[in-house]
Amino acid sequence: MTIKPIITLPETVLRQVSDPIETIDEDVLQLADDMLETMYDAPGVGLAAIQIGVPKRLVVLDVADEDDEMAPLTLINPEIVKQGDKMRDHEEGCLSIPEVLVEIERPTPVTVRYIDRAGKTQELEAEGLLGTAIQHEIDHLDGKLIIDYMSRLKRDMVMRKFKKLARG
């Protein structure tokens, strides 16, 4: 497994909509393994392929506590098929936007349909941190970022900060 560099703002590739994965082969499984290694190293609880520059609909997650056994999830071509009636507020961070936290309200629970590593279609109902993380990572696949949930003024301030950092 290889740790990949995580793309950060202001890179515009983060706004790209990711393409579905047509075939689950050794390359896709290796990409998922590399993404897990990268996510654990960061450390984070989720990572979308676009965050390492691969515009494919692939997400990895692990919301297990540090004291618990690792529980990695690989979601290929994930899509939310059902959203609950309740809303959950959570302060979200993002590996592609370091040191920025945004309070976001999302539906809970959510049901996600995806293809697993064995090529089988699965459905998972998730709530709490897992439900939030799944929605966050699917946002990435659609070119949406946590700063899109901020006011325009705050979003512009964050973008200016990251453009300035990128210039050095």
C-alpha atoms as a PDB file:
ATOM      1  CA  MET A   1       0.000   0.000   0.000  1.00  0.00           C
ATOM      2  CA  THR A   2       1.092   3.530  -0.761  1.00  0.00           C
ATOM      3  CA  ILE A   3       0.303   6.761   1.035  1.00  0.00           C
ATOM      4  CA  LYS A   4      -0.845   9.288  -1.564  1.00  0.00           C
ATOM      5  CA  PRO A   5      -0.676  13.077  -1.313  1.00  0.00           C
ATOM      6  CA  ILE A   6      -4.046  14.621  -0.413  1.00  0.00           C
ATOM      7  CA  ILE A   7      -5.166  17.460  -2.668  1.00  0.00           C
ATOM      8  CA  THR A   8      -6.151  20.633  -0.830  1.00  0.00           C
ATOM      9  CA  LEU A   9      -7.832  23.903  -1.662  1.00  0.00           C
ATOM     10  CA  PRO A  10      -7.543  25.879  -3.879  1.00  0.00           C
ATOM     11  CA  GLU A  11      -7.031  22.970  -6.333  1.00  0.00           C
ATOM     12  CA  THR A  12     -10.021  23.021  -8.693  1.00  0.00           C
ATOM     13  CA  VAL A  13      -9.967  19.222  -9.218  1.00  0.00           C
ATOM     14  CA  LEU A  14     -11.874  19.030  -5.915  1.00  0.00           C
ATOM     15  CA  ARG A  15     -14.865  20.518  -7.769  1.00  0.00           C
ATOM     16  CA  GLN A  16     -14.843  17.808 -10.440  1.00  0.00           C
ATOM     17  CA  VAL A  17     -17.734  15.332 -10.516  1.00  0.00           C
ATOM     18  CA  SER A  18     -16.371  11.796 -10.281  1.00  0.00           C
ATOM     19  CA  ASP A  19     -17.136   9.098 -12.844  1.00  0.00           C
ATOM     20  CA  PRO A  20     -18.692   5.716 -11.964  1.00  0.00           C
ATOM     21  CA  ILE A  21     -16.394   2.718 -11.747  1.00  0.00           C
ATOM     22  CA  GLU A  22     -17.263   0.277 -14.515  1.00  0.00           C
ATOM     23  CA  THR A  23     -15.207  -2.746 -13.459  1.00  0.00           C
ATOM     24  CA  ILE A  24     -13.966  -3.807 -10.057  1.00  0.00           C
ATOM     25  CA  ASP A  25     -10.515  -5.121 -10.781  1.00  0.00           C
ATOM     26  CA  GLU A  26      -7.146  -5.336  -9.043  1.00  0.00           C
ATOM     27  CA  ASP A  27      -6.421  -1.665  -9.840  1.00  0.00           C
ATOM     28  CA  VAL A  28      -9.609  -0.491  -8.107  1.00  0.00           C
ATOM     29  CA  LEU A  29      -8.907  -2.660  -5.056  1.00  0.00           C
ATOM     30  CA  GLN A  30      -5.310  -1.377  -4.914  1.00  0.00           C
ATOM     31  CA  LEU A  31      -6.603   2.201  -5.153  1.00  0.00           C
ATOM     32  CA  ALA A  32      -8.987   1.505  -2.242  1.00  0.00           C
ATOM     33  CA  ASP A  33      -6.119   0.040  -0.181  1.00  0.00           C
ATOM     34  CA  ASP A  34      -3.921   3.059  -0.939  1.00  0.00           C
ATOM     35  CA  MET A  35      -6.796   5.369   0.033  1.00  0.00           C
ATOM     36  CA  LEU A  36      -7.268   3.565   3.355  1.00  0.00           C
ATOM     37  CA  GLU A  37      -3.552   3.825   4.095  1.00  0.00           C
ATOM     38  CA  THR A  38      -3.639   7.526   3.201  1.00  0.00           C
ATOM     39  CA  MET A  39      -6.745   8.151   5.321  1.00  0.00           C
ATOM     40  CA  TYR A  40      -5.290   6.385   8.386  1.00  0.00           C
ATOM     41  CA  ASP A  41      -2.010   8.267   7.982  1.00  0.00           C
ATOM     42  CA  ALA A  42      -3.718  11.688   7.739  1.00  0.00           C
ATOM     43  CA  PRO A  43      -5.541  10.809  10.120  1.00  0.00           C
ATOM     44  CA  GLY A  44      -9.163  10.987   8.990  1.00  0.00           C
ATOM     45  CA  VAL A  45     -12.408   9.017   9.048  1.00  0.00           C
ATOM     46  CA  GLY A  46     -13.146   9.159   5.324  1.00  0.00           C
ATOM     47  CA  LEU A  47     -11.547   9.819   1.953  1.00  0.00           C
ATOM     48  CA  ALA A  48     -12.926  10.116  -1.573  1.00  0.00           C
ATOM     49  CA  ALA A  49     -10.771   9.152  -4.562  1.00  0.00           C
ATOM     50  CA  ILE A  50     -11.003  12.694  -5.963  1.00  0.00           C
ATOM     51  CA  GLN A  51      -9.078  13.891  -2.901  1.00  0.00           C
ATOM     52  CA  ILE A  52      -6.023  12.071  -4.226  1.00  0.00           C
ATOM     53  CA  GLY A  53      -6.677  13.224  -7.784  1.00  0.00           C
ATOM     54  CA  VAL A  54      -8.618  10.200  -9.060  1.00  0.00           C
ATOM     55  CA  PRO A  55     -12.065  11.252 -10.363  1.00  0.00           C
ATOM     56  CA  LYS A  56     -13.747   7.900  -9.687  1.00  0.00           C
ATOM     57  CA  ARG A  57     -16.767   7.191  -7.468  1.00  0.00           C
ATOM     58  CA  LEU A  58     -14.853   5.449  -4.700  1.00  0.00           C
ATOM     59  CA  VAL A  59     -14.965   6.199  -0.967  1.00  0.00           C
ATOM     60  CA  VAL A  60     -13.234   4.663   2.030  1.00  0.00           C
ATOM     61  CA  LEU A  61     -14.324   5.181   5.634  1.00  0.00           C
ATOM     62  CA  ASP A  62     -13.523   4.049   9.140  1.00  0.00           C
ATOM     63  CA  VAL A  63     -15.310   5.733  12.033  1.00  0.00           C
ATOM     64  CA  ALA A  64     -14.084   3.300  14.721  1.00  0.00           C
ATOM     65  CA  ASP A  65     -12.741   4.945  17.867  1.00  0.00           C
ATOM     66  CA  GLU A  66      -8.985   4.844  18.415  1.00  0.00           C
ATOM     67  CA  ASP A  67      -9.458   2.229  21.151  1.00  0.00           C
ATOM     68  CA  ASP A  68     -11.611  -0.024  18.953  1.00  0.00           C
ATOM     69  CA  GLU A  69     -10.557  -2.441  16.241  1.00  0.00           C
ATOM     70  CA  MET A  70     -10.308  -0.879  12.785  1.00  0.00           C
ATOM     71  CA  ALA A  71     -13.507  -1.201  10.736  1.00  0.00           C
ATOM     72  CA  PRO A  72     -12.655  -0.087   7.191  1.00  0.00           C
ATOM     73  CA  LEU A  73     -15.454   0.309   4.654  1.00  0.00           C
ATOM     74  CA  THR A  74     -15.001   0.556   0.899  1.00  0.00           C
ATOM     75  CA  LEU A  75     -17.942   2.006  -1.036  1.00  0.00           C
ATOM     76  CA  ILE A  76     -17.786   1.772  -4.822  1.00  0.00           C
ATOM     77  CA  ASN A  77     -20.308   3.907  -6.741  1.00  0.00           C
ATOM     78  CA  PRO A  78     -22.168   4.874  -3.542  1.00  0.00           C
ATOM     79  CA  GLU A  79     -25.542   6.569  -3.775  1.00  0.00           C
ATOM     80  CA  ILE A  80     -27.938   7.664  -1.085  1.00  0.00           C
ATOM     81  CA  VAL A  81     -31.270   5.946  -1.694  1.00  0.00           C
ATOM     82  CA  LYS A  82     -33.127   7.040   1.429  1.00  0.00           C
ATOM     83  CA  GLN A  83     -32.856   9.821   3.977  1.00  0.00           C
ATOM     84  CA  GLY A  84     -34.416   9.922   7.424  1.00  0.00           C
ATOM     85  CA  ASP A  85     -36.755  12.642   8.665  1.00  0.00           C
ATOM     86  CA  LYS A  86     -34.509  13.791  11.501  1.00  0.00           C
ATOM     87  CA  MET A  87     -31.614  16.185  11.115  1.00  0.00           C
ATOM     88  CA  ARG A  88     -28.243  15.922  12.849  1.00  0.00           C
ATOM     89  CA  ASP A  89     -25.795  18.774  13.409  1.00  0.00           C
ATOM     90  CA  HIS A  90     -22.126  17.887  13.347  1.00  0.00           C
ATOM     91  CA  GLU A  91     -18.962  19.941  13.149  1.00  0.00           C
ATOM     92  CA  GLU A  92     -17.198  18.561  10.081  1.00  0.00           C
ATOM     93  CA  GLY A  93     -13.595  18.852   9.062  1.00  0.00           C
ATOM     94  CA  CYS A  94     -12.017  17.827   5.777  1.00  0.00           C
ATOM     95  CA  LEU A  95      -8.574  16.499   4.887  1.00  0.00           C
ATOM     96  CA  SER A  96      -8.655  18.705   1.763  1.00  0.00           C
ATOM     97  CA  ILE A  97      -9.404  21.841   3.804  1.00  0.00           C
ATOM     98  CA  PRO A  98      -7.114  21.514   6.847  1.00  0.00           C
ATOM     99  CA  GLU A  99      -7.969  23.322  10.079  1.00  0.00           C
ATOM    100  CA  VAL A 100     -11.421  24.425   8.881  1.00  0.00           C
ATOM    101  CA  LEU A 101     -14.471  23.163  10.760  1.00  0.00           C
ATOM    102  CA  VAL A 102     -18.036  23.738   9.590  1.00  0.00           C
ATOM    103  CA  GLU A 103     -21.255  23.023  11.489  1.00  0.00           C
ATOM    104  CA  ILE A 104     -23.438  21.121   8.994  1.00  0.00           C
ATOM    105  CA  GLU A 105     -26.958  19.798   9.411  1.00  0.00           C
ATOM    106  CA  ARG A 106     -27.595  16.542   7.546  1.00  0.00           C
ATOM    107  CA  PRO A 107     -30.463  14.025   7.441  1.00  0.00           C
ATOM    108  CA  THR A 108     -30.281  10.939   9.638  1.00  0.00           C
ATOM    109  CA  PRO A 109     -30.352   8.056   9.173  1.00  0.00           C
ATOM    110  CA  VAL A 110     -29.326   7.581   5.541  1.00  0.00           C
ATOM    111  CA  THR A 111     -29.409   4.438   3.455  1.00  0.00           C
ATOM    112  CA  VAL A 112     -26.600   4.090   0.950  1.00  0.00           C
ATOM    113  CA  ARG A 113     -26.429   1.605  -1.913  1.00  0.00           C
ATOM    114  CA  TYR A 114     -22.948   0.696  -3.098  1.00  0.00           C
ATOM    115  CA  ILE A 115     -20.836  -2.058  -4.578  1.00  0.00           C
ATOM    116  CA  ASP A 116     -18.484  -3.816  -2.165  1.00  0.00           C
ATOM    117  CA  ARG A 117     -14.940  -5.061  -2.803  1.00  0.00           C
ATOM    118  CA  ALA A 118     -16.322  -8.418  -4.002  1.00  0.00           C
ATOM    119  CA  GLY A 119     -18.491  -6.719  -6.648  1.00  0.00           C
ATOM    120  CA  LYS A 120     -21.779  -7.292  -4.822  1.00  0.00           C
ATOM    121  CA  THR A 121     -24.431  -4.581  -4.462  1.00  0.00           C
ATOM    122  CA  GLN A 122     -25.062  -3.757  -0.808  1.00  0.00           C
ATOM    123  CA  GLU A 123     -27.283  -1.408   1.183  1.00  0.00           C
ATOM    124  CA  LEU A 124     -26.297   0.085   4.503  1.00  0.00           C
ATOM    125  CA  GLU A 125     -28.382   2.204   6.854  1.00  0.00           C
ATOM    126  CA  ALA A 126     -26.131   4.568   8.759  1.00  0.00           C
ATOM    127  CA  GLU A 127     -26.613   7.214  11.398  1.00  0.00           C
ATOM    128  CA  GLY A 128     -24.380   9.177  13.731  1.00  0.00           C
ATOM    129  CA  LEU A 129     -20.820   9.797  12.597  1.00  0.00           C
ATOM    130  CA  LEU A 130     -20.941   7.077   9.916  1.00  0.00           C
ATOM    131  CA  GLY A 131     -24.072   8.584   8.339  1.00  0.00           C
ATOM    132  CA  THR A 132     -22.504  12.035   8.379  1.00  0.00           C
ATOM    133  CA  ALA A 133     -19.198  10.771   6.955  1.00  0.00           C
ATOM    134  CA  ILE A 134     -20.932   8.900   4.124  1.00  0.00           C
ATOM    135  CA  GLN A 135     -22.825  12.048   3.105  1.00  0.00           C
ATOM    136  CA  HIS A 136     -19.637  14.137   3.357  1.00  0.00           C
ATOM    137  CA  GLU A 137     -17.690  11.761   1.093  1.00  0.00           C
ATOM    138  CA  ILE A 138     -20.521  11.467  -1.450  1.00  0.00           C
ATOM    139  CA  ASP A 139     -20.532  15.276  -1.559  1.00  0.00           C
ATOM    140  CA  HIS A 140     -16.865  15.049  -2.636  1.00  0.00           C
ATOM    141  CA  LEU A 141     -17.816  12.691  -5.473  1.00  0.00           C
ATOM    142  CA  ASP A 142     -20.268  15.361  -6.666  1.00  0.00           C
ATOM    143  CA  GLY A 143     -17.736  18.211  -6.414  1.00  0.00           C
ATOM    144  CA  LYS A 144     -19.261  19.662  -3.254  1.00  0.00           C
ATOM    145  CA  LEU A 145     -17.162  20.771  -0.270  1.00  0.00           C
ATOM    146  CA  ILE A 146     -17.915  21.624   3.359  1.00  0.00           C
ATOM    147  CA  ILE A 147     -17.277  25.303   2.619  1.00  0.00           C
ATOM    148  CA  ASP A 148     -20.373  25.220   0.393  1.00  0.00           C
ATOM    149  CA  TYR A 149     -22.391  25.006   3.612  1.00  0.00           C
ATOM    150  CA  MET A 150     -20.890  28.313   4.855  1.00  0.00           C
ATOM    151  CA  SER A 151     -22.118  31.815   4.151  1.00  0.00           C
ATOM    152  CA  ARG A 152     -20.628  33.347   1.021  1.00  0.00           C
ATOM    153  CA  LEU A 153     -18.553  35.768   3.112  1.00  0.00           C
ATOM    154  CA  LYS A 154     -16.976  33.002   5.226  1.00  0.00           C
ATOM    155  CA  ARG A 155     -16.436  30.791   2.160  1.00  0.00           C
ATOM    156  CA  ASP A 156     -14.662  33.643   0.349  1.00  0.00           C
ATOM    157  CA  MET A 157     -12.440  34.219   3.400  1.00  0.00           C
ATOM    158  CA  VAL A 158     -11.447  30.530   3.487  1.00  0.00           C
ATOM    159  CA  MET A 159     -10.733  30.525  -0.261  1.00  0.00           C
ATOM    160  CA  ARG A 160      -8.548  33.655   0.030  1.00  0.00           C
ATOM    161  CA  LYS A 161      -6.605  32.035   2.887  1.00  0.00           C
ATOM    162  CA  PHE A 162      -5.928  28.848   0.898  1.00  0.00           C
ATOM    163  CA  LYS A 163      -5.026  30.745  -2.298  1.00  0.00           C
ATOM    164  CA  LYS A 164      -2.550  32.809  -0.288  1.00  0.00           C
ATOM    165  CA  LEU A 165      -1.062  29.645   1.260  1.00  0.00           C
ATOM    166  CA  ALA A 166      -0.760  28.053  -2.203  1.00  0.00           C
ATOM    167  CA  ARG A 167       1.185  31.072  -3.485  1.00  0.00           C
ATOM    168  CA  GLY A 168       3.621  30.572  -0.616  1.00  0.00           C
END
